[in-house]
Amino acid sequence: MAAMIYALCALTSLACTWLLLGSYRRTRHRLLFWSGASFAALTVNNVFLVLDKVVFPDVYLMPVRQGTALLSVLLLLYGLIYEKE
């Protein structure tokens, strides 16, 4: 059951990435780009979560997962602070 929830979280963040970047392509609002980039990093984070908990339970992937989570937060923070409309 947990594997299905992890996979659904990864698919949801992938859908958010797709929608945000598609909207960025149409409107060229920079905040949509940074939000899409943040969700892309969150998608990678969720894929690493599936790999860590389901595929390779003996391999310790926590530093990689936390690195991608930090990257996603920093991307969104940069977009919120430095992009002006």
PDB file of N, CA and C in Angstrom:
ATOM      1  N   MET A   1       0.814  -1.191   0.000  1.00  0.00           N
ATOM      2  CA  MET A   1       0.000   0.000   0.000  1.00  0.00           C
ATOM      3  C   MET A   1       0.863   1.262   0.000  1.00  0.00           C
ATOM      4  N   ALA A   2       1.954   1.249   0.762  1.00  0.00           N
ATOM      5  CA  ALA A   2       2.837   2.414   0.828  1.00  0.00           C
ATOM      6  C   ALA A   2       3.477   2.700  -0.524  1.00  0.00           C
ATOM      7  N   ALA A   3       3.833   1.644  -1.255  1.00  0.00           N
ATOM      8  CA  ALA A   3       4.458   1.842  -2.567  1.00  0.00           C
ATOM      9  C   ALA A   3       3.505   2.548  -3.519  1.00  0.00           C
ATOM     10  N   MET A   4       2.233   2.219  -3.438  1.00  0.00           N
ATOM     11  CA  MET A   4       1.254   2.859  -4.309  1.00  0.00           C
ATOM     12  C   MET A   4       1.099   4.343  -3.948  1.00  0.00           C
ATOM     13  N   ILE A   5       1.112   4.651  -2.674  1.00  0.00           N
ATOM     14  CA  ILE A   5       1.005   6.046  -2.248  1.00  0.00           C
ATOM     15  C   ILE A   5       2.229   6.835  -2.690  1.00  0.00           C
ATOM     16  N   TYR A   6       3.424   6.259  -2.538  1.00  0.00           N
ATOM     17  CA  TYR A   6       4.642   6.936  -2.990  1.00  0.00           C
ATOM     18  C   TYR A   6       4.593   7.196  -4.497  1.00  0.00           C
ATOM     19  N   ALA A   7       4.133   6.205  -5.256  1.00  0.00           N
ATOM     20  CA  ALA A   7       4.056   6.354  -6.702  1.00  0.00           C
ATOM     21  C   ALA A   7       3.021   7.415  -7.088  1.00  0.00           C
ATOM     22  N   LEU A   8       1.901   7.450  -6.403  1.00  0.00           N
ATOM     23  CA  LEU A   8       0.889   8.466  -6.691  1.00  0.00           C
ATOM     24  C   LEU A   8       1.393   9.869  -6.365  1.00  0.00           C
ATOM     25  N   CYS A   9       2.172  10.003  -5.310  1.00  0.00           N
ATOM     26  CA  CYS A   9       2.774  11.304  -4.990  1.00  0.00           C
ATOM     27  C   CYS A   9       3.729  11.743  -6.092  1.00  0.00           C
ATOM     28  N   ALA A  10       4.520  10.818  -6.604  1.00  0.00           N
ATOM     29  CA  ALA A  10       5.444  11.149  -7.692  1.00  0.00           C
ATOM     30  C   ALA A  10       4.676  11.550  -8.950  1.00  0.00           C
ATOM     31  N   LEU A  11       3.609  10.839  -9.256  1.00  0.00           N
ATOM     32  CA  LEU A  11       2.817  11.182 -10.431  1.00  0.00           C
ATOM     33  C   LEU A  11       2.102  12.520 -10.270  1.00  0.00           C
ATOM     34  N   THR A  12       1.655  12.824  -9.069  1.00  0.00           N
ATOM     35  CA  THR A  12       0.998  14.101  -8.820  1.00  0.00           C
ATOM     36  C   THR A  12       1.972  15.260  -8.985  1.00  0.00           C
ATOM     37  N   SER A  13       3.173  15.123  -8.446  1.00  0.00           N
ATOM     38  CA  SER A  13       4.149  16.203  -8.608  1.00  0.00           C
ATOM     39  C   SER A  13       4.599  16.327 -10.059  1.00  0.00           C
ATOM     40  N   LEU A  14       4.630  15.214 -10.796  1.00  0.00           N
ATOM     41  CA  LEU A  14       4.940  15.272 -12.221  1.00  0.00           C
ATOM     42  C   LEU A  14       3.836  16.013 -12.981  1.00  0.00           C
ATOM     43  N   ALA A  15       2.579  15.763 -12.617  1.00  0.00           N
ATOM     44  CA  ALA A  15       1.464  16.468 -13.256  1.00  0.00           C
ATOM     45  C   ALA A  15       1.525  17.962 -12.956  1.00  0.00           C
ATOM     46  N   CYS A  16       1.861  18.320 -11.728  1.00  0.00           N
ATOM     47  CA  CYS A  16       2.003  19.743 -11.384  1.00  0.00           C
ATOM     48  C   CYS A  16       3.134  20.379 -12.177  1.00  0.00           C
ATOM     49  N   THR A  17       4.233  19.672 -12.326  1.00  0.00           N
ATOM     50  CA  THR A  17       5.353  20.177 -13.136  1.00  0.00           C
ATOM     51  C   THR A  17       4.910  20.426 -14.564  1.00  0.00           C
ATOM     52  N   TRP A  18       4.217  19.451 -15.129  1.00  0.00           N
ATOM     53  CA  TRP A  18       3.747  19.557 -16.508  1.00  0.00           C
ATOM     54  C   TRP A  18       2.815  20.757 -16.686  1.00  0.00           C
ATOM     55  N   LEU A  19       1.874  20.916 -15.770  1.00  0.00           N
ATOM     56  CA  LEU A  19       0.916  22.015 -15.881  1.00  0.00           C
ATOM     57  C   LEU A  19       1.585  23.374 -15.687  1.00  0.00           C
ATOM     58  N   LEU A  20       2.475  23.490 -14.709  1.00  0.00           N
ATOM     59  CA  LEU A  20       3.136  24.767 -14.453  1.00  0.00           C
ATOM     60  C   LEU A  20       4.049  25.170 -15.609  1.00  0.00           C
ATOM     61  N   LEU A  21       4.831  24.237 -16.109  1.00  0.00           N
ATOM     62  CA  LEU A  21       5.733  24.575 -17.212  1.00  0.00           C
ATOM     63  C   LEU A  21       4.969  24.807 -18.514  1.00  0.00           C
ATOM     64  N   GLY A  22       3.859  24.110 -18.699  1.00  0.00           N
ATOM     65  CA  GLY A  22       3.023  24.370 -19.870  1.00  0.00           C
ATOM     66  C   GLY A  22       2.397  25.758 -19.812  1.00  0.00           C
ATOM     67  N   SER A  23       1.973  26.144 -18.637  1.00  0.00           N
ATOM     68  CA  SER A  23       1.427  27.493 -18.464  1.00  0.00           C
ATOM     69  C   SER A  23       2.517  28.547 -18.641  1.00  0.00           C
ATOM     70  N   TYR A  24       3.728  28.241 -18.204  1.00  0.00           N
ATOM     71  CA  TYR A  24       4.844  29.166 -18.412  1.00  0.00           C
ATOM     72  C   TYR A  24       5.116  29.352 -19.904  1.00  0.00           C
ATOM     73  N   ARG A  25       5.057  28.276 -20.686  1.00  0.00           N
ATOM     74  CA  ARG A  25       5.304  28.381 -22.119  1.00  0.00           C
ATOM     75  C   ARG A  25       4.285  29.281 -22.805  1.00  0.00           C
ATOM     76  N   ARG A  26       3.055  29.264 -22.310  1.00  0.00           N
ATOM     77  CA  ARG A  26       2.017  30.103 -22.918  1.00  0.00           C
ATOM     78  C   ARG A  26       2.097  31.557 -22.475  1.00  0.00           C
ATOM     79  N   THR A  27       2.388  31.808 -21.188  1.00  0.00           N
ATOM     80  CA  THR A  27       2.287  33.176 -20.661  1.00  0.00           C
ATOM     81  C   THR A  27       3.627  33.859 -20.444  1.00  0.00           C
ATOM     82  N   ARG A  28       4.689  33.089 -20.291  1.00  0.00           N
ATOM     83  CA  ARG A  28       6.032  33.605 -20.018  1.00  0.00           C
ATOM     84  C   ARG A  28       6.137  34.365 -18.700  1.00  0.00           C
ATOM     85  N   HIS A  29       5.304  34.021 -17.735  1.00  0.00           N
ATOM     86  CA  HIS A  29       5.466  34.575 -16.386  1.00  0.00           C
ATOM     87  C   HIS A  29       6.572  33.794 -15.686  1.00  0.00           C
ATOM     88  N   ARG A  30       7.572  34.500 -15.209  1.00  0.00           N
ATOM     89  CA  ARG A  30       8.763  33.850 -14.662  1.00  0.00           C
ATOM     90  C   ARG A  30       8.473  33.059 -13.382  1.00  0.00           C
ATOM     91  N   LEU A  31       7.511  33.498 -12.595  1.00  0.00           N
ATOM     92  CA  LEU A  31       7.197  32.777 -11.368  1.00  0.00           C
ATOM     93  C   LEU A  31       6.655  31.378 -11.673  1.00  0.00           C
ATOM     94  N   LEU A  32       5.953  31.234 -12.788  1.00  0.00           N
ATOM     95  CA  LEU A  32       5.507  29.904 -13.199  1.00  0.00           C
ATOM     96  C   LEU A  32       6.686  29.006 -13.534  1.00  0.00           C
ATOM     97  N   PHE A  33       7.723  29.590 -14.128  1.00  0.00           N
ATOM     98  CA  PHE A  33       8.924  28.801 -14.420  1.00  0.00           C
ATOM     99  C   PHE A  33       9.576  28.297 -13.145  1.00  0.00           C
ATOM    100  N   TRP A  34       9.759  29.186 -12.162  1.00  0.00           N
ATOM    101  CA  TRP A  34      10.421  28.785 -10.931  1.00  0.00           C
ATOM    102  C   TRP A  34       9.574  27.791 -10.143  1.00  0.00           C
ATOM    103  N   SER A  35       8.262  27.951 -10.191  1.00  0.00           N
ATOM    104  CA  SER A  35       7.386  26.982  -9.532  1.00  0.00           C
ATOM    105  C   SER A  35       7.461  25.629 -10.232  1.00  0.00           C
ATOM    106  N   GLY A  36       7.503  25.641 -11.554  1.00  0.00           N
ATOM    107  CA  GLY A  36       7.635  24.393 -12.305  1.00  0.00           C
ATOM    108  C   GLY A  36       8.966  23.713 -12.058  1.00  0.00           C
ATOM    109  N   ALA A  37      10.031  24.506 -11.981  1.00  0.00           N
ATOM    110  CA  ALA A  37      11.346  23.933 -11.682  1.00  0.00           C
ATOM    111  C   ALA A  37      11.368  23.336 -10.275  1.00  0.00           C
ATOM    112  N   SER A  38      10.707  24.011  -9.344  1.00  0.00           N
ATOM    113  CA  SER A  38      10.619  23.488  -7.978  1.00  0.00           C
ATOM    114  C   SER A  38       9.877  22.155  -7.949  1.00  0.00           C
ATOM    115  N   PHE A  39       8.765  22.077  -8.674  1.00  0.00           N
ATOM    116  CA  PHE A  39       8.014  20.822  -8.708  1.00  0.00           C
ATOM    117  C   PHE A  39       8.763  19.736  -9.475  1.00  0.00           C
ATOM    118  N   ALA A  40       9.596  20.118 -10.434  1.00  0.00           N
ATOM    119  CA  ALA A  40      10.426  19.118 -11.116  1.00  0.00           C
ATOM    120  C   ALA A  40      11.414  18.492 -10.133  1.00  0.00           C
ATOM    121  N   ALA A  41      12.010  19.325  -9.286  1.00  0.00           N
ATOM    122  CA  ALA A  41      12.917  18.790  -8.262  1.00  0.00           C
ATOM    123  C   ALA A  41      12.142  17.949  -7.245  1.00  0.00           C
ATOM    124  N   LEU A  42      10.913  18.345  -6.931  1.00  0.00           N
ATOM    125  CA  LEU A  42      10.090  17.529  -6.025  1.00  0.00           C
ATOM    126  C   LEU A  42       9.719  16.190  -6.665  1.00  0.00           C
ATOM    127  N   THR A  43       9.535  16.182  -7.978  1.00  0.00           N
ATOM    128  CA  THR A  43       9.281  14.918  -8.672  1.00  0.00           C
ATOM    129  C   THR A  43      10.479  13.991  -8.550  1.00  0.00           C
ATOM    130  N   VAL A  44      11.669  14.543  -8.744  1.00  0.00           N
ATOM    131  CA  VAL A  44      12.892  13.744  -8.574  1.00  0.00           C
ATOM    132  C   VAL A  44      13.004  13.254  -7.139  1.00  0.00           C
ATOM    133  N   ASN A  45      12.641  14.104  -6.190  1.00  0.00           N
ATOM    134  CA  ASN A  45      12.664  13.719  -4.789  1.00  0.00           C
ATOM    135  C   ASN A  45      11.715  12.547  -4.536  1.00  0.00           C
ATOM    136  N   ASN A  46      10.527  12.592  -5.120  1.00  0.00           N
ATOM    137  CA  ASN A  46       9.572  11.504  -4.935  1.00  0.00           C
ATOM    138  C   ASN A  46      10.031  10.215  -5.619  1.00  0.00           C
ATOM    139  N   VAL A  47      10.706  10.349  -6.749  1.00  0.00           N
ATOM    140  CA  VAL A  47      11.256   9.154  -7.403  1.00  0.00           C
ATOM    141  C   VAL A  47      12.328   8.527  -6.523  1.00  0.00           C
ATOM    142  N   PHE A  48      13.178   9.360  -5.925  1.00  0.00           N
ATOM    143  CA  PHE A  48      14.177   8.822  -4.998  1.00  0.00           C
ATOM    144  C   PHE A  48      13.529   8.195  -3.771  1.00  0.00           C
ATOM    145  N   LEU A  49      12.395   8.723  -3.338  1.00  0.00           N
ATOM    146  CA  LEU A  49      11.674   8.120  -2.222  1.00  0.00           C
ATOM    147  C   LEU A  49      11.187   6.727  -2.583  1.00  0.00           C
ATOM    148  N   VAL A  50      10.648   6.558  -3.778  1.00  0.00           N
ATOM    149  CA  VAL A  50      10.209   5.231  -4.229  1.00  0.00           C
ATOM    150  C   VAL A  50      11.406   4.289  -4.314  1.00  0.00           C
ATOM    151  N   LEU A  51      12.506   4.788  -4.860  1.00  0.00           N
ATOM    152  CA  LEU A  51      13.705   3.946  -4.956  1.00  0.00           C
ATOM    153  C   LEU A  51      14.228   3.571  -3.576  1.00  0.00           C
ATOM    154  N   ASP A  52      14.189   4.512  -2.649  1.00  0.00           N
ATOM    155  CA  ASP A  52      14.721   4.286  -1.312  1.00  0.00           C
ATOM    156  C   ASP A  52      13.866   3.302  -0.523  1.00  0.00           C
ATOM    157  N   LYS A  53      12.569   3.469  -0.559  1.00  0.00           N
ATOM    158  CA  LYS A  53      11.689   2.671   0.298  1.00  0.00           C
ATOM    159  C   LYS A  53      11.217   1.374  -0.337  1.00  0.00           C
ATOM    160  N   VAL A  54      11.091   1.329  -1.671  1.00  0.00           N
ATOM    161  CA  VAL A  54      10.487   0.172  -2.319  1.00  0.00           C
ATOM    162  C   VAL A  54      11.508  -0.656  -3.093  1.00  0.00           C
ATOM    163  N   VAL A  55      12.265  -0.002  -3.977  1.00  0.00           N
ATOM    164  CA  VAL A  55      13.136  -0.745  -4.882  1.00  0.00           C
ATOM    165  C   VAL A  55      14.423  -1.186  -4.191  1.00  0.00           C
ATOM    166  N   PHE A  56      15.090  -0.257  -3.511  1.00  0.00           N
ATOM    167  CA  PHE A  56      16.348  -0.561  -2.835  1.00  0.00           C
ATOM    168  C   PHE A  56      16.229  -0.250  -1.343  1.00  0.00           C
ATOM    169  N   PRO A  57      15.531  -1.064  -0.571  1.00  0.00           N
ATOM    170  CA  PRO A  57      15.349  -0.734   0.858  1.00  0.00           C
ATOM    171  C   PRO A  57      16.644  -0.816   1.670  1.00  0.00           C
ATOM    172  N   ASP A  58      17.662  -1.493   1.154  1.00  0.00           N
ATOM    173  CA  ASP A  58      18.921  -1.620   1.894  1.00  0.00           C
ATOM    174  C   ASP A  58      19.889  -0.470   1.625  1.00  0.00           C
ATOM    175  N   VAL A  59      19.608   0.330   0.599  1.00  0.00           N
ATOM    176  CA  VAL A  59      20.477   1.443   0.244  1.00  0.00           C
ATOM    177  C   VAL A  59      19.964   2.696   0.941  1.00  0.00           C
ATOM    178  N   TYR A  60      20.874   3.452   1.532  1.00  0.00           N
ATOM    179  CA  TYR A  60      20.515   4.655   2.286  1.00  0.00           C
ATOM    180  C   TYR A  60      20.559   5.866   1.351  1.00  0.00           C
ATOM    181  N   LEU A  61      19.396   6.298   0.890  1.00  0.00           N
ATOM    182  CA  LEU A  61      19.307   7.413  -0.043  1.00  0.00           C
ATOM    183  C   LEU A  61      18.812   8.696   0.609  1.00  0.00           C
ATOM    184  N   MET A  62      18.802   8.756   1.913  1.00  0.00           N
ATOM    185  CA  MET A  62      18.296   9.945   2.603  1.00  0.00           C
ATOM    186  C   MET A  62      19.058  11.224   2.244  1.00  0.00           C
ATOM    187  N   PRO A  63      20.395  11.215   2.153  1.00  0.00           N
ATOM    188  CA  PRO A  63      21.089  12.463   1.780  1.00  0.00           C
ATOM    189  C   PRO A  63      20.713  12.960   0.382  1.00  0.00           C
ATOM    190  N   VAL A  64      20.510  12.050  -0.538  1.00  0.00           N
ATOM    191  CA  VAL A  64      20.117  12.436  -1.890  1.00  0.00           C
ATOM    192  C   VAL A  64      18.709  13.012  -1.871  1.00  0.00           C
ATOM    193  N   ARG A  65      17.824  12.373  -1.127  1.00  0.00           N
ATOM    194  CA  ARG A  65      16.454  12.870  -1.038  1.00  0.00           C
ATOM    195  C   ARG A  65      16.404  14.243  -0.388  1.00  0.00           C
ATOM    196  N   GLN A  66      17.170  14.434   0.652  1.00  0.00           N
ATOM    197  CA  GLN A  66      17.161  15.740   1.309  1.00  0.00           C
ATOM    198  C   GLN A  66      17.818  16.805   0.436  1.00  0.00           C
ATOM    199  N   GLY A  67      18.792  16.416  -0.351  1.00  0.00           N
ATOM    200  CA  GLY A  67      19.419  17.361  -1.275  1.00  0.00           C
ATOM    201  C   GLY A  67      18.443  17.837  -2.345  1.00  0.00           C
ATOM    202  N   THR A  68      17.655  16.923  -2.895  1.00  0.00           N
ATOM    203  CA  THR A  68      16.679  17.333  -3.900  1.00  0.00           C
ATOM    204  C   THR A  68      15.544  18.150  -3.273  1.00  0.00           C
ATOM    205  N   ALA A  69      15.179  17.842  -2.051  1.00  0.00           N
ATOM    206  CA  ALA A  69      14.154  18.646  -1.363  1.00  0.00           C
ATOM    207  C   ALA A  69      14.675  20.064  -1.113  1.00  0.00           C
ATOM    208  N   LEU A  70      15.934  20.166  -0.693  1.00  0.00           N
ATOM    209  CA  LEU A  70      16.537  21.491  -0.478  1.00  0.00           C
ATOM    210  C   LEU A  70      16.610  22.267  -1.786  1.00  0.00           C
ATOM    211  N   LEU A  71      16.983  21.602  -2.857  1.00  0.00           N
ATOM    212  CA  LEU A  71      17.040  22.250  -4.162  1.00  0.00           C
ATOM    213  C   LEU A  71      15.672  22.778  -4.576  1.00  0.00           C
ATOM    214  N   SER A  72      14.629  21.991  -4.360  1.00  0.00           N
ATOM    215  CA  SER A  72      13.295  22.433  -4.760  1.00  0.00           C
ATOM    216  C   SER A  72      12.842  23.648  -3.957  1.00  0.00           C
ATOM    217  N   VAL A  73      13.141  23.664  -2.667  1.00  0.00           N
ATOM    218  CA  VAL A  73      12.766  24.810  -1.843  1.00  0.00           C
ATOM    219  C   VAL A  73      13.569  26.048  -2.250  1.00  0.00           C
ATOM    220  N   LEU A  74      14.856  25.872  -2.531  1.00  0.00           N
ATOM    221  CA  LEU A  74      15.682  27.009  -2.941  1.00  0.00           C
ATOM    222  C   LEU A  74      15.243  27.584  -4.285  1.00  0.00           C
ATOM    223  N   LEU A  75      14.831  26.729  -5.213  1.00  0.00           N
ATOM    224  CA  LEU A  75      14.345  27.215  -6.499  1.00  0.00           C
ATOM    225  C   LEU A  75      13.081  28.057  -6.322  1.00  0.00           C
ATOM    226  N   LEU A  76      12.167  27.577  -5.521  1.00  0.00           N
ATOM    227  CA  LEU A  76      10.937  28.332  -5.301  1.00  0.00           C
ATOM    228  C   LEU A  76      11.208  29.618  -4.526  1.00  0.00           C
ATOM    229  N   LEU A  77      12.099  29.555  -3.558  1.00  0.00           N
ATOM    230  CA  LEU A  77      12.446  30.742  -2.783  1.00  0.00           C
ATOM    231  C   LEU A  77      13.100  31.802  -3.663  1.00  0.00           C
ATOM    232  N   TYR A  78      13.983  31.377  -4.550  1.00  0.00           N
ATOM    233  CA  TYR A  78      14.615  32.314  -5.473  1.00  0.00           C
ATOM    234  C   TYR A  78      13.567  32.982  -6.352  1.00  0.00           C
ATOM    235  N   GLY A  79      12.658  32.184  -6.882  1.00  0.00           N
ATOM    236  CA  GLY A  79      11.618  32.740  -7.732  1.00  0.00           C
ATOM    237  C   GLY A  79      10.713  33.705  -7.000  1.00  0.00           C
ATOM    238  N   LEU A  80      10.414  33.415  -5.762  1.00  0.00           N
ATOM    239  CA  LEU A  80       9.547  34.305  -4.987  1.00  0.00           C
ATOM    240  C   LEU A  80      10.232  35.605  -4.601  1.00  0.00           C
ATOM    241  N   ILE A  81      11.530  35.549  -4.345  1.00  0.00           N
ATOM    242  CA  ILE A  81      12.237  36.741  -3.906  1.00  0.00           C
ATOM    243  C   ILE A  81      12.682  37.625  -5.050  1.00  0.00           C
ATOM    244  N   TYR A  82      13.268  37.043  -6.086  1.00  0.00           N
ATOM    245  CA  TYR A  82      13.942  37.842  -7.104  1.00  0.00           C
ATOM    246  C   TYR A  82      13.141  38.118  -8.355  1.00  0.00           C
ATOM    247  N   GLU A  83      12.034  37.451  -8.561  1.00  0.00           N
ATOM    248  CA  GLU A  83      11.245  37.702  -9.764  1.00  0.00           C
ATOM    249  C   GLU A  83      10.171  38.742  -9.460  1.00  0.00           C
ATOM    250  N   LYS A  84      10.150  39.767 -10.278  1.00  0.00           N
ATOM    251  CA  LYS A  84       9.169  40.839 -10.119  1.00  0.00           C
ATOM    252  C   LYS A  84       8.276  40.872 -11.336  1.00  0.00           C
ATOM    253  N   GLU A  85       7.019  41.107 -11.117  1.00  0.00           N
ATOM    254  CA  GLU A  85       6.049  41.212 -12.232  1.00  0.00           C
ATOM    255  C   GLU A  85       6.060  42.614 -12.766  1.00  0.00           C
TER     256      GLU A  85
END
